Structures are given as C-alpha cells and as structure tokens.
C-alpha cells in the first residue's frame, strides 16, 4: 500500500463516510425500523440499529485510517489500499465494504451490498 497525501486521505475518507451515511439513511427509510438513527458530523458516522446495536465509523487522520466500532465484529482499523481502491483491514483480511455488507445481511436477514469496496 502506498502512502496517501493528507489531501488524498481526507477526500477518500470523506467520500466513503458520505456514501455510507446516505446508504444507511436509505436503509432506515426502507425498513421503517424503530430506534434507527443515522448521524454524521465532524468525521464521525454513528448508526443506531435499535436492538442490533450501534456502529461508529470515524476518520483517524494521523494514521490515515477509518476506524470502525461494530456491535458484531468489535473494533477494527482500515487502511486505504490504492491498488484495490478500498479500505482494507489487514487483521481480518477483509475490506470495509465486505465487512459491512456481511454484517448488514446478517442483521437484516437479507442481502445488503454496501456502496463501497
């Protein structure tokens, strides 16, 4: 993985969190779920899924990472892989998009494809 400049990191991380925020808003509208809430402010995306728990995704500019706190998989850190154009967790050997798609599919018992790699 080649290093990103600060500007490249900021643009990529912001775009990813913006896309996820819109996607989660759409999921909430489709499902009409109680206690579903999406908030995105100051680089932190919080997604409350009622009884299923809360996801928090946030930028970590010093490390040029996106951090995830998941009620299913716990905390993870994702670095941007320019070769594959995706945020990737070396610990899990999985991209952010793949992990979130799998967990949303598990929670909502249907196939969910998140809009990121």
PDB file of N, CA and C in Angstrom:
ATOM      1  N   UNK A   1       0.849  -1.173   0.000  1.00  0.00           N
ATOM      2  CA  UNK A   1       0.000   0.000   0.000  1.00  0.00           C
ATOM      3  C   UNK A   1       0.895   1.238   0.000  1.00  0.00           C
ATOM      4  N   UNK A   2       0.676   2.107  -0.948  1.00  0.00           N
ATOM      5  CA  UNK A   2       1.476   3.320  -0.984  1.00  0.00           C
ATOM      6  C   UNK A   2       0.803   4.389  -0.133  1.00  0.00           C
ATOM      7  N   UNK A   3       1.606   5.263   0.440  1.00  0.00           N
ATOM      8  CA  UNK A   3       1.045   6.269   1.335  1.00  0.00           C
ATOM      9  C   UNK A   3       0.209   7.305   0.587  1.00  0.00           C
ATOM     10  N   UNK A   4      -0.828   7.745   1.253  1.00  0.00           N
ATOM     11  CA  UNK A   4      -1.672   8.809   0.725  1.00  0.00           C
ATOM     12  C   UNK A   4      -1.179  10.149   1.247  1.00  0.00           C
ATOM     13  N   UNK A   5      -1.374  11.188   0.460  1.00  0.00           N
ATOM     14  CA  UNK A   5      -1.133  12.525   0.993  1.00  0.00           C
ATOM     15  C   UNK A   5      -2.282  12.846   1.948  1.00  0.00           C
ATOM     16  N   UNK A   6      -2.101  13.869   2.745  1.00  0.00           N
ATOM     17  CA  UNK A   6      -3.171  14.280   3.664  1.00  0.00           C
ATOM     18  C   UNK A   6      -4.443  14.656   2.895  1.00  0.00           C
ATOM     19  N   UNK A   7      -4.268  15.349   1.773  1.00  0.00           N
ATOM     20  CA  UNK A   7      -5.437  15.760   0.975  1.00  0.00           C
ATOM     21  C   UNK A   7      -6.135  14.555   0.352  1.00  0.00           C
ATOM     22  N   UNK A   8      -5.367  13.601  -0.153  1.00  0.00           N
ATOM     23  CA  UNK A   8      -5.964  12.392  -0.731  1.00  0.00           C
ATOM     24  C   UNK A   8      -6.727  11.615   0.336  1.00  0.00           C
ATOM     25  N   UNK A   9      -6.109  11.464   1.506  1.00  0.00           N
ATOM     26  CA  UNK A   9      -6.779  10.759   2.598  1.00  0.00           C
ATOM     27  C   UNK A   9      -8.098  11.441   2.954  1.00  0.00           C
ATOM     28  N   UNK A  10      -8.065  12.740   3.148  1.00  0.00           N
ATOM     29  CA  UNK A  10      -9.266  13.482   3.554  1.00  0.00           C
ATOM     30  C   UNK A  10     -10.380  13.320   2.523  1.00  0.00           C
ATOM     31  N   UNK A  11     -10.045  13.423   1.257  1.00  0.00           N
ATOM     32  CA  UNK A  11     -11.049  13.286   0.196  1.00  0.00           C
ATOM     33  C   UNK A  11     -11.635  11.877   0.165  1.00  0.00           C
ATOM     34  N   UNK A  12     -10.778  10.864   0.243  1.00  0.00           N
ATOM     35  CA  UNK A  12     -11.250   9.478   0.185  1.00  0.00           C
ATOM     36  C   UNK A  12     -12.067   9.102   1.420  1.00  0.00           C
ATOM     37  N   UNK A  13     -11.589   9.483   2.597  1.00  0.00           N
ATOM     38  CA  UNK A  13     -12.311   9.154   3.832  1.00  0.00           C
ATOM     39  C   UNK A  13     -13.657   9.869   3.878  1.00  0.00           C
ATOM     40  N   UNK A  14     -13.681  11.142   3.491  1.00  0.00           N
ATOM     41  CA  UNK A  14     -14.942  11.897   3.494  1.00  0.00           C
ATOM     42  C   UNK A  14     -15.936  11.307   2.505  1.00  0.00           C
ATOM     43  N   UNK A  15     -15.469  10.966   1.313  1.00  0.00           N
ATOM     44  CA  UNK A  15     -16.342  10.373   0.304  1.00  0.00           C
ATOM     45  C   UNK A  15     -16.930   9.046   0.807  1.00  0.00           C
ATOM     46  N   UNK A  16     -16.095   8.233   1.430  1.00  0.00           N
ATOM     47  CA  UNK A  16     -16.551   6.935   1.950  1.00  0.00           C
ATOM     48  C   UNK A  16     -17.609   7.124   3.027  1.00  0.00           C
ATOM     49  N   UNK A  17     -17.355   7.997   3.989  1.00  0.00           N
ATOM     50  CA  UNK A  17     -18.324   8.206   5.067  1.00  0.00           C
ATOM     51  C   UNK A  17     -19.594   8.874   4.555  1.00  0.00           C
ATOM     52  N   UNK A  18     -19.467   9.786   3.587  1.00  0.00           N
ATOM     53  CA  UNK A  18     -20.660  10.392   2.966  1.00  0.00           C
ATOM     54  C   UNK A  18     -21.514   9.323   2.291  1.00  0.00           C
ATOM     55  N   UNK A  19     -20.879   8.452   1.503  1.00  0.00           N
ATOM     56  CA  UNK A  19     -21.604   7.388   0.798  1.00  0.00           C
ATOM     57  C   UNK A  19     -22.290   6.444   1.783  1.00  0.00           C
ATOM     58  N   UNK A  20     -21.591   6.097   2.857  1.00  0.00           N
ATOM     59  CA  UNK A  20     -22.188   5.214   3.869  1.00  0.00           C
ATOM     60  C   UNK A  20     -23.343   5.889   4.594  1.00  0.00           C
ATOM     61  N   UNK A  21     -23.205   7.172   4.878  1.00  0.00           N
ATOM     62  CA  UNK A  21     -24.277   7.908   5.543  1.00  0.00           C
ATOM     63  C   UNK A  21     -25.551   7.893   4.701  1.00  0.00           C
ATOM     64  N   UNK A  22     -25.415   8.149   3.414  1.00  0.00           N
ATOM     65  CA  UNK A  22     -26.566   8.133   2.500  1.00  0.00           C
ATOM     66  C   UNK A  22     -27.167   6.732   2.435  1.00  0.00           C
ATOM     67  N   UNK A  23     -26.311   5.734   2.337  1.00  0.00           N
ATOM     68  CA  UNK A  23     -26.781   4.344   2.263  1.00  0.00           C
ATOM     69  C   UNK A  23     -27.553   3.959   3.518  1.00  0.00           C
ATOM     70  N   UNK A  24     -27.014   4.284   4.683  1.00  0.00           N
ATOM     71  CA  UNK A  24     -27.706   3.946   5.927  1.00  0.00           C
ATOM     72  C   UNK A  24     -29.014   4.728   6.077  1.00  0.00           C
ATOM     73  N   UNK A  25     -29.035   5.979   5.630  1.00  0.00           N
ATOM     74  CA  UNK A  25     -30.298   6.743   5.630  1.00  0.00           C
ATOM     75  C   UNK A  25     -31.346   6.032   4.778  1.00  0.00           C
ATOM     76  N   UNK A  26     -30.928   5.561   3.603  1.00  0.00           N
ATOM     77  CA  UNK A  26     -31.842   4.847   2.708  1.00  0.00           C
ATOM     78  C   UNK A  26     -32.342   3.551   3.342  1.00  0.00           C
ATOM     79  N   UNK A  27     -31.457   2.822   4.002  1.00  0.00           N
ATOM     80  CA  UNK A  27     -31.851   1.582   4.681  1.00  0.00           C
ATOM     81  C   UNK A  27     -32.898   1.887   5.745  1.00  0.00           C
ATOM     82  N   UNK A  28     -32.671   2.944   6.520  1.00  0.00           N
ATOM     83  CA  UNK A  28     -33.614   3.324   7.566  1.00  0.00           C
ATOM     84  C   UNK A  28     -34.983   3.669   7.021  1.00  0.00           C
ATOM     85  N   UNK A  29     -35.023   4.359   5.891  1.00  0.00           N
ATOM     86  CA  UNK A  29     -36.301   4.718   5.274  1.00  0.00           C
ATOM     87  C   UNK A  29     -37.022   3.488   4.734  1.00  0.00           C
ATOM     88  N   UNK A  30     -36.289   2.577   4.147  1.00  0.00           N
ATOM     89  CA  UNK A  30     -36.891   1.360   3.583  1.00  0.00           C
ATOM     90  C   UNK A  30     -37.444   0.441   4.658  1.00  0.00           C
ATOM     91  N   UNK A  31     -36.734   0.327   5.766  1.00  0.00           N
ATOM     92  CA  UNK A  31     -37.110  -0.643   6.787  1.00  0.00           C
ATOM     93  C   UNK A  31     -38.093  -0.106   7.824  1.00  0.00           C
ATOM     94  N   UNK A  32     -38.216   1.205   7.919  1.00  0.00           N
ATOM     95  CA  UNK A  32     -39.088   1.818   8.930  1.00  0.00           C
ATOM     96  C   UNK A  32     -38.868   1.169  10.297  1.00  0.00           C
ATOM     97  N   UNK A  33     -37.634   1.100  10.710  1.00  0.00           N
ATOM     98  CA  UNK A  33     -37.247   0.435  11.940  1.00  0.00           C
ATOM     99  C   UNK A  33     -37.282   1.400  13.119  1.00  0.00           C
ATOM    100  N   UNK A  34     -37.833   0.951  14.242  1.00  0.00           N
ATOM    101  CA  UNK A  34     -37.826   1.753  15.462  1.00  0.00           C
ATOM    102  C   UNK A  34     -36.389   1.901  15.953  1.00  0.00           C
ATOM    103  N   UNK A  35     -36.099   3.022  16.554  1.00  0.00           N
ATOM    104  CA  UNK A  35     -34.781   3.292  17.136  1.00  0.00           C
ATOM    105  C   UNK A  35     -33.657   3.250  16.108  1.00  0.00           C
ATOM    106  N   UNK A  36     -33.969   3.521  14.844  1.00  0.00           N
ATOM    107  CA  UNK A  36     -32.949   3.597  13.802  1.00  0.00           C
ATOM    108  C   UNK A  36     -32.578   5.061  13.637  1.00  0.00           C
ATOM    109  N   UNK A  37     -31.292   5.367  13.706  1.00  0.00           N
ATOM    110  CA  UNK A  37     -30.868   6.757  13.579  1.00  0.00           C
ATOM    111  C   UNK A  37     -29.487   6.814  12.948  1.00  0.00           C
ATOM    112  N   UNK A  38     -29.289   7.770  12.078  1.00  0.00           N
ATOM    113  CA  UNK A  38     -28.003   7.982  11.427  1.00  0.00           C
ATOM    114  C   UNK A  38     -27.582   9.424  11.677  1.00  0.00           C
ATOM    115  N   UNK A  39     -26.367   9.592  12.156  1.00  0.00           N
ATOM    116  CA  UNK A  39     -25.836  10.934  12.384  1.00  0.00           C
ATOM    117  C   UNK A  39     -24.412  10.979  11.850  1.00  0.00           C
ATOM    118  N   UNK A  40     -24.127  12.002  11.064  1.00  0.00           N
ATOM    119  CA  UNK A  40     -22.779  12.183  10.523  1.00  0.00           C
ATOM    120  C   UNK A  40     -22.352  13.614  10.763  1.00  0.00           C
ATOM    121  N   UNK A  41     -21.340  13.786  11.602  1.00  0.00           N
ATOM    122  CA  UNK A  41     -20.840  15.124  11.920  1.00  0.00           C
ATOM    123  C   UNK A  41     -19.371  15.041  12.311  1.00  0.00           C
ATOM    124  N   UNK A  42     -18.607  16.013  11.872  1.00  0.00           N
ATOM    125  CA  UNK A  42     -17.193  16.142  12.242  1.00  0.00           C
ATOM    126  C   UNK A  42     -16.382  14.866  12.012  1.00  0.00           C
ATOM    127  N   UNK A  43     -16.670  14.176  10.919  1.00  0.00           N
ATOM    128  CA  UNK A  43     -15.901  12.991  10.570  1.00  0.00           C
ATOM    129  C   UNK A  43     -16.276  11.735  11.318  1.00  0.00           C
ATOM    130  N   UNK A  44     -17.418  11.775  12.020  1.00  0.00           N
ATOM    131  CA  UNK A  44     -17.880  10.609  12.773  1.00  0.00           C
ATOM    132  C   UNK A  44     -19.279  10.235  12.293  1.00  0.00           C
ATOM    133  N   UNK A  45     -19.431   8.990  11.848  1.00  0.00           N
ATOM    134  CA  UNK A  45     -20.723   8.456  11.405  1.00  0.00           C
ATOM    135  C   UNK A  45     -21.209   7.478  12.468  1.00  0.00           C
ATOM    136  N   UNK A  46     -22.371   7.779  13.044  1.00  0.00           N
ATOM    137  CA  UNK A  46     -22.971   6.921  14.062  1.00  0.00           C
ATOM    138  C   UNK A  46     -24.274   6.370  13.510  1.00  0.00           C
ATOM    139  N   UNK A  47     -24.409   5.051  13.541  1.00  0.00           N
ATOM    140  CA  UNK A  47     -25.602   4.386  13.019  1.00  0.00           C
ATOM    141  C   UNK A  47     -26.191   3.534  14.131  1.00  0.00           C
ATOM    142  N   UNK A  48     -27.361   3.955  14.615  1.00  0.00           N
ATOM    143  CA  UNK A  48     -28.040   3.218  15.685  1.00  0.00           C
ATOM    144  C   UNK A  48     -29.068   2.297  15.053  1.00  0.00           C
ATOM    145  N   UNK A  49     -28.926   1.004  15.345  1.00  0.00           N
ATOM    146  CA  UNK A  49     -29.796  -0.008  14.760  1.00  0.00           C
ATOM    147  C   UNK A  49     -30.690  -0.662  15.812  1.00  0.00           C
ATOM    148  N   UNK A  50     -31.178   0.152  16.749  1.00  0.00           N
ATOM    149  CA  UNK A  50     -32.086  -0.360  17.772  1.00  0.00           C
ATOM    150  C   UNK A  50     -31.465  -1.515  18.532  1.00  0.00           C
ATOM    151  N   UNK A  51     -32.206  -2.608  18.625  1.00  0.00           N
ATOM    152  CA  UNK A  51     -31.767  -3.785  19.388  1.00  0.00           C
ATOM    153  C   UNK A  51     -30.504  -4.441  18.835  1.00  0.00           C
ATOM    154  N   UNK A  52     -30.132  -4.086  17.610  1.00  0.00           N
ATOM    155  CA  UNK A  52     -28.955  -4.685  16.978  1.00  0.00           C
ATOM    156  C   UNK A  52     -27.657  -3.973  17.351  1.00  0.00           C
ATOM    157  N   UNK A  53     -27.762  -2.839  18.017  1.00  0.00           N
ATOM    158  CA  UNK A  53     -26.572  -2.122  18.469  1.00  0.00           C
ATOM    159  C   UNK A  53     -26.250  -0.902  17.635  1.00  0.00           C
ATOM    160  N   UNK A  54     -25.085  -0.347  17.894  1.00  0.00           N
ATOM    161  CA  UNK A  54     -24.653   0.894  17.260  1.00  0.00           C
ATOM    162  C   UNK A  54     -23.308   0.707  16.571  1.00  0.00           C
ATOM    163  N   UNK A  55     -23.231   1.199  15.351  1.00  0.00           N
ATOM    164  CA  UNK A  55     -21.988   1.244  14.591  1.00  0.00           C
ATOM    165  C   UNK A  55     -21.449   2.664  14.660  1.00  0.00           C
ATOM    166  N   UNK A  56     -20.141   2.780  14.830  1.00  0.00           N
ATOM    167  CA  UNK A  56     -19.485   4.083  14.768  1.00  0.00           C
ATOM    168  C   UNK A  56     -18.301   3.946  13.821  1.00  0.00           C
ATOM    169  N   UNK A  57     -18.267   4.813  12.824  1.00  0.00           N
ATOM    170  CA  UNK A  57     -17.143   4.882  11.889  1.00  0.00           C
ATOM    171  C   UNK A  57     -16.575   6.283  11.975  1.00  0.00           C
ATOM    172  N   UNK A  58     -15.259   6.382  12.070  1.00  0.00           N
ATOM    173  CA  UNK A  58     -14.679   7.712  12.141  1.00  0.00           C
ATOM    174  C   UNK A  58     -13.319   7.769  11.475  1.00  0.00           C
ATOM    175  N   UNK A  59     -12.996   8.980  11.056  1.00  0.00           N
ATOM    176  CA  UNK A  59     -11.701   9.239  10.444  1.00  0.00           C
ATOM    177  C   UNK A  59     -10.635   9.275  11.531  1.00  0.00           C
ATOM    178  N   UNK A  60      -9.460   8.801  11.180  1.00  0.00           N
ATOM    179  CA  UNK A  60      -8.280   8.900  12.038  1.00  0.00           C
ATOM    180  C   UNK A  60      -7.156   9.502  11.198  1.00  0.00           C
ATOM    181  N   UNK A  61      -7.190  10.835  11.008  1.00  0.00           N
ATOM    182  CA  UNK A  61      -6.207  11.485  10.130  1.00  0.00           C
ATOM    183  C   UNK A  61      -4.737  11.224  10.470  1.00  0.00           C
ATOM    184  N   UNK A  62      -4.334  11.183  11.751  1.00  0.00           N
ATOM    185  CA  UNK A  62      -2.903  10.947  11.994  1.00  0.00           C
ATOM    186  C   UNK A  62      -2.411   9.613  11.411  1.00  0.00           C
ATOM    187  N   UNK A  63      -3.280   8.608  11.417  1.00  0.00           N
ATOM    188  CA  UNK A  63      -2.921   7.288  10.897  1.00  0.00           C
ATOM    189  C   UNK A  63      -3.397   7.070   9.469  1.00  0.00           C
ATOM    190  N   UNK A  64      -4.173   8.021   8.955  1.00  0.00           N
ATOM    191  CA  UNK A  64      -4.793   7.915   7.633  1.00  0.00           C
ATOM    192  C   UNK A  64      -5.617   6.636   7.529  1.00  0.00           C
ATOM    193  N   UNK A  65      -6.458   6.427   8.537  1.00  0.00           N
ATOM    194  CA  UNK A  65      -7.303   5.248   8.617  1.00  0.00           C
ATOM    195  C   UNK A  65      -8.757   5.652   8.841  1.00  0.00           C
ATOM    196  N   UNK A  66      -9.639   4.675   8.625  1.00  0.00           N
ATOM    197  CA  UNK A  66     -11.016   4.761   9.095  1.00  0.00           C
ATOM    198  C   UNK A  66     -11.145   3.690  10.168  1.00  0.00           C
ATOM    199  N   UNK A  67     -11.676   4.097  11.307  1.00  0.00           N
ATOM    200  CA  UNK A  67     -11.890   3.162  12.402  1.00  0.00           C
ATOM    201  C   UNK A  67     -13.358   2.816  12.473  1.00  0.00           C
ATOM    202  N   UNK A  68     -13.629   1.565  12.790  1.00  0.00           N
ATOM    203  CA  UNK A  68     -14.996   1.053  12.911  1.00  0.00           C
ATOM    204  C   UNK A  68     -15.174   0.434  14.285  1.00  0.00           C
ATOM    205  N   UNK A  69     -16.293   0.750  14.916  1.00  0.00           N
ATOM    206  CA  UNK A  69     -16.733   0.036  16.105  1.00  0.00           C
ATOM    207  C   UNK A  69     -18.047  -0.633  15.718  1.00  0.00           C
ATOM    208  N   UNK A  70     -18.056  -1.964  15.754  1.00  0.00           N
ATOM    209  CA  UNK A  70     -19.212  -2.752  15.325  1.00  0.00           C
ATOM    210  C   UNK A  70     -19.744  -3.568  16.494  1.00  0.00           C
ATOM    211  N   UNK A  71     -21.081  -3.641  16.631  1.00  0.00           N
ATOM    212  CA  UNK A  71     -21.639  -4.486  17.691  1.00  0.00           C
ATOM    213  C   UNK A  71     -21.448  -5.978  17.407  1.00  0.00           C
ATOM    214  N   UNK A  72     -21.052  -6.327  16.190  1.00  0.00           N
ATOM    215  CA  UNK A  72     -20.847  -7.734  15.834  1.00  0.00           C
ATOM    216  C   UNK A  72     -19.366  -8.095  15.857  1.00  0.00           C
ATOM    217  N   UNK A  73     -18.552  -7.352  15.124  1.00  0.00           N
ATOM    218  CA  UNK A  73     -17.137  -7.717  14.986  1.00  0.00           C
ATOM    219  C   UNK A  73     -16.203  -6.945  15.906  1.00  0.00           C
ATOM    220  N   UNK A  74     -16.719  -5.940  16.600  1.00  0.00           N
ATOM    221  CA  UNK A  74     -15.882  -5.161  17.506  1.00  0.00           C
ATOM    222  C   UNK A  74     -15.118  -4.070  16.784  1.00  0.00           C
ATOM    223  N   UNK A  75     -14.029  -3.596  17.387  1.00  0.00           N
ATOM    224  CA  UNK A  75     -13.267  -2.503  16.781  1.00  0.00           C
ATOM    225  C   UNK A  75     -12.311  -3.003  15.700  1.00  0.00           C
ATOM    226  N   UNK A  76     -12.227  -2.240  14.619  1.00  0.00           N
ATOM    227  CA  UNK A  76     -11.303  -2.554  13.525  1.00  0.00           C
ATOM    228  C   UNK A  76     -10.758  -1.260  12.934  1.00  0.00           C
ATOM    229  N   UNK A  77      -9.586  -1.363  12.325  1.00  0.00           N
ATOM    230  CA  UNK A  77      -8.941  -0.226  11.661  1.00  0.00           C
ATOM    231  C   UNK A  77      -8.731  -0.571  10.197  1.00  0.00           C
ATOM    232  N   UNK A  78      -9.039   0.382   9.343  1.00  0.00           N
ATOM    233  CA  UNK A  78      -8.953   0.163   7.896  1.00  0.00           C
ATOM    234  C   UNK A  78      -8.009   1.178   7.258  1.00  0.00           C
ATOM    235  N   UNK A  79      -7.070   0.659   6.483  1.00  0.00           N
ATOM    236  CA  UNK A  79      -6.153   1.483   5.699  1.00  0.00           C
ATOM    237  C   UNK A  79      -6.628   1.474   4.251  1.00  0.00           C
ATOM    238  N   UNK A  80      -6.352   2.555   3.544  1.00  0.00           N
ATOM    239  CA  UNK A  80      -6.754   2.618   2.142  1.00  0.00           C
ATOM    240  C   UNK A  80      -5.736   1.891   1.272  1.00  0.00           C
ATOM    241  N   UNK A  81      -6.215   0.975   0.460  1.00  0.00           N
ATOM    242  CA  UNK A  81      -5.375   0.215  -0.469  1.00  0.00           C
ATOM    243  C   UNK A  81      -5.621   0.765  -1.871  1.00  0.00           C
ATOM    244  N   UNK A  82      -4.664   1.535  -2.371  1.00  0.00           N
ATOM    245  CA  UNK A  82      -4.829   2.173  -3.678  1.00  0.00           C
ATOM    246  C   UNK A  82      -4.911   1.162  -4.809  1.00  0.00           C
ATOM    247  N   UNK A  83      -4.220   0.056  -4.669  1.00  0.00           N
ATOM    248  CA  UNK A  83      -4.240  -0.964  -5.722  1.00  0.00           C
ATOM    249  C   UNK A  83      -5.657  -1.501  -5.937  1.00  0.00           C
ATOM    250  N   UNK A  84      -6.375  -1.726  -4.841  1.00  0.00           N
ATOM    251  CA  UNK A  84      -7.729  -2.294  -4.917  1.00  0.00           C
ATOM    252  C   UNK A  84      -8.823  -1.253  -4.724  1.00  0.00           C
ATOM    253  N   UNK A  85      -8.426   0.005  -4.534  1.00  0.00           N
ATOM    254  CA  UNK A  85      -9.380   1.100  -4.369  1.00  0.00           C
ATOM    255  C   UNK A  85     -10.393   0.782  -3.264  1.00  0.00           C
ATOM    256  N   UNK A  86      -9.865   0.363  -2.102  1.00  0.00           N
ATOM    257  CA  UNK A  86     -10.759   0.003  -0.999  1.00  0.00           C
ATOM    258  C   UNK A  86     -10.079   0.231   0.348  1.00  0.00           C
ATOM    259  N   UNK A  87     -10.908   0.385   1.362  1.00  0.00           N
ATOM    260  CA  UNK A  87     -10.436   0.449   2.747  1.00  0.00           C
ATOM    261  C   UNK A  87     -10.317  -0.989   3.224  1.00  0.00           C
ATOM    262  N   UNK A  88      -9.135  -1.359   3.715  1.00  0.00           N
ATOM    263  CA  UNK A  88      -8.845  -2.758   3.980  1.00  0.00           C
ATOM    264  C   UNK A  88      -8.305  -2.956   5.396  1.00  0.00           C
ATOM    265  N   UNK A  89      -8.810  -4.007   6.068  1.00  0.00           N
ATOM    266  CA  UNK A  89      -8.359  -4.370   7.402  1.00  0.00           C
ATOM    267  C   UNK A  89      -7.418  -5.565   7.281  1.00  0.00           C
ATOM    268  N   UNK A  90      -6.160  -5.358   7.577  1.00  0.00           N
ATOM    269  CA  UNK A  90      -5.187  -6.452   7.481  1.00  0.00           C
ATOM    270  C   UNK A  90      -5.463  -7.533   8.520  1.00  0.00           C
ATOM    271  N   UNK A  91      -5.936  -7.122   9.674  1.00  0.00           N
ATOM    272  CA  UNK A  91      -6.215  -8.072  10.759  1.00  0.00           C
ATOM    273  C   UNK A  91      -7.268  -9.090  10.355  1.00  0.00           C
ATOM    274  N   UNK A  92      -8.327  -8.633   9.688  1.00  0.00           N
ATOM    275  CA  UNK A  92      -9.413  -9.519   9.261  1.00  0.00           C
ATOM    276  C   UNK A  92      -9.250  -9.982   7.816  1.00  0.00           C
ATOM    277  N   UNK A  93      -8.297  -9.375   7.102  1.00  0.00           N
ATOM    278  CA  UNK A  93      -8.110  -9.673   5.684  1.00  0.00           C
ATOM    279  C   UNK A  93      -9.417  -9.463   4.922  1.00  0.00           C
ATOM    280  N   UNK A  94     -10.040  -8.287   5.169  1.00  0.00           N
ATOM    281  CA  UNK A  94     -11.357  -8.001   4.608  1.00  0.00           C
ATOM    282  C   UNK A  94     -11.501  -6.498   4.393  1.00  0.00           C
ATOM    283  N   UNK A  95     -12.224  -6.117   3.361  1.00  0.00           N
ATOM    284  CA  UNK A  95     -12.463  -4.699   3.112  1.00  0.00           C
ATOM    285  C   UNK A  95     -13.618  -4.206   3.983  1.00  0.00           C
ATOM    286  N   UNK A  96     -13.671  -2.898   4.167  1.00  0.00           N
ATOM    287  CA  UNK A  96     -14.753  -2.285   4.938  1.00  0.00           C
ATOM    288  C   UNK A  96     -16.101  -2.574   4.295  1.00  0.00           C
ATOM    289  N   UNK A  97     -16.180  -2.462   2.980  1.00  0.00           N
ATOM    290  CA  UNK A  97     -17.438  -2.725   2.277  1.00  0.00           C
ATOM    291  C   UNK A  97     -17.906  -4.156   2.447  1.00  0.00           C
ATOM    292  N   UNK A  98     -16.973  -5.105   2.351  1.00  0.00           N
ATOM    293  CA  UNK A  98     -17.326  -6.519   2.507  1.00  0.00           C
ATOM    294  C   UNK A  98     -17.807  -6.805   3.924  1.00  0.00           C
ATOM    295  N   UNK A  99     -17.093  -6.268   4.920  1.00  0.00           N
ATOM    296  CA  UNK A  99     -17.470  -6.491   6.307  1.00  0.00           C
ATOM    297  C   UNK A  99     -18.857  -5.921   6.593  1.00  0.00           C
ATOM    298  N   UNK A 100     -19.096  -4.666   6.181  1.00  0.00           N
ATOM    299  CA  UNK A 100     -20.403  -4.053   6.439  1.00  0.00           C
ATOM    300  C   UNK A 100     -21.525  -4.760   5.676  1.00  0.00           C
ATOM    301  N   UNK A 101     -21.264  -5.166   4.447  1.00  0.00           N
ATOM    302  CA  UNK A 101     -22.283  -5.894   3.674  1.00  0.00           C
ATOM    303  C   UNK A 101     -22.653  -7.193   4.374  1.00  0.00           C
ATOM    304  N   UNK A 102     -21.643  -7.915   4.845  1.00  0.00           N
ATOM    305  CA  UNK A 102     -21.884  -9.186   5.539  1.00  0.00           C
ATOM    306  C   UNK A 102     -22.677  -8.969   6.833  1.00  0.00           C
ATOM    307  N   UNK A 103     -22.282  -7.971   7.607  1.00  0.00           N
ATOM    308  CA  UNK A 103     -22.959  -7.740   8.882  1.00  0.00           C
ATOM    309  C   UNK A 103     -24.382  -7.206   8.693  1.00  0.00           C
ATOM    310  N   UNK A 104     -24.597  -6.335   7.717  1.00  0.00           N
ATOM    311  CA  UNK A 104     -25.961  -5.838   7.464  1.00  0.00           C
ATOM    312  C   UNK A 104     -26.850  -6.980   6.956  1.00  0.00           C
ATOM    313  N   UNK A 105     -26.291  -7.845   6.142  1.00  0.00           N
ATOM    314  CA  UNK A 105     -27.047  -9.008   5.658  1.00  0.00           C
ATOM    315  C   UNK A 105     -27.426  -9.912   6.828  1.00  0.00           C
ATOM    316  N   UNK A 106     -26.517 -10.075   7.753  1.00  0.00           N
ATOM    317  CA  UNK A 106     -26.776 -10.894   8.938  1.00  0.00           C
ATOM    318  C   UNK A 106     -27.854 -10.247   9.822  1.00  0.00           C
ATOM    319  N   UNK A 107     -27.741  -8.967  10.066  1.00  0.00           N
ATOM    320  CA  UNK A 107     -28.693  -8.266  10.933  1.00  0.00           C
ATOM    321  C   UNK A 107     -30.087  -8.258  10.331  1.00  0.00           C
ATOM    322  N   UNK A 108     -30.182  -7.920   9.043  1.00  0.00           N
ATOM    323  CA  UNK A 108     -31.488  -7.730   8.416  1.00  0.00           C
ATOM    324  C   UNK A 108     -31.985  -8.954   7.649  1.00  0.00           C
ATOM    325  N   UNK A 109     -31.219 -10.044   7.733  1.00  0.00           N
ATOM    326  CA  UNK A 109     -31.615 -11.331   7.145  1.00  0.00           C
ATOM    327  C   UNK A 109     -31.996 -11.213   5.670  1.00  0.00           C
ATOM    328  N   UNK A 110     -31.130 -10.571   4.935  1.00  0.00           N
ATOM    329  CA  UNK A 110     -31.297 -10.410   3.503  1.00  0.00           C
ATOM    330  C   UNK A 110     -29.980  -9.904   2.941  1.00  0.00           C
ATOM    331  N   UNK A 111     -29.856  -9.908   1.646  1.00  0.00           N
ATOM    332  CA  UNK A 111     -28.599  -9.472   1.043  1.00  0.00           C
ATOM    333  C   UNK A 111     -28.507  -7.956   0.993  1.00  0.00           C
ATOM    334  N   UNK A 112     -27.464  -7.424   1.574  1.00  0.00           N
ATOM    335  CA  UNK A 112     -27.175  -5.999   1.540  1.00  0.00           C
ATOM    336  C   UNK A 112     -25.805  -5.817   0.914  1.00  0.00           C
ATOM    337  N   UNK A 113     -25.718  -4.950  -0.053  1.00  0.00           N
ATOM    338  CA  UNK A 113     -24.446  -4.611  -0.686  1.00  0.00           C
ATOM    339  C   UNK A 113     -24.184  -3.139  -0.401  1.00  0.00           C
ATOM    340  N   UNK A 114     -23.153  -2.877   0.368  1.00  0.00           N
ATOM    341  CA  UNK A 114     -22.821  -1.501   0.709  1.00  0.00           C
ATOM    342  C   UNK A 114     -22.137  -0.841  -0.492  1.00  0.00           C
ATOM    343  N   UNK A 115     -22.276   0.497  -0.616  1.00  0.00           N
ATOM    344  CA  UNK A 115     -21.798   1.200  -1.809  1.00  0.00           C
ATOM    345  C   UNK A 115     -20.296   1.492  -1.819  1.00  0.00           C
ATOM    346  N   UNK A 116     -19.536   0.727  -1.071  1.00  0.00           N
ATOM    347  CA  UNK A 116     -18.086   0.918  -1.040  1.00  0.00           C
ATOM    348  C   UNK A 116     -17.416  -0.432  -1.167  1.00  0.00           C
ATOM    349  N   UNK A 117     -16.154  -0.419  -1.510  1.00  0.00           N
ATOM    350  CA  UNK A 117     -15.393  -1.678  -1.617  1.00  0.00           C
ATOM    351  C   UNK A 117     -14.778  -2.017  -0.274  1.00  0.00           C
TER     352      UNK A 117
END
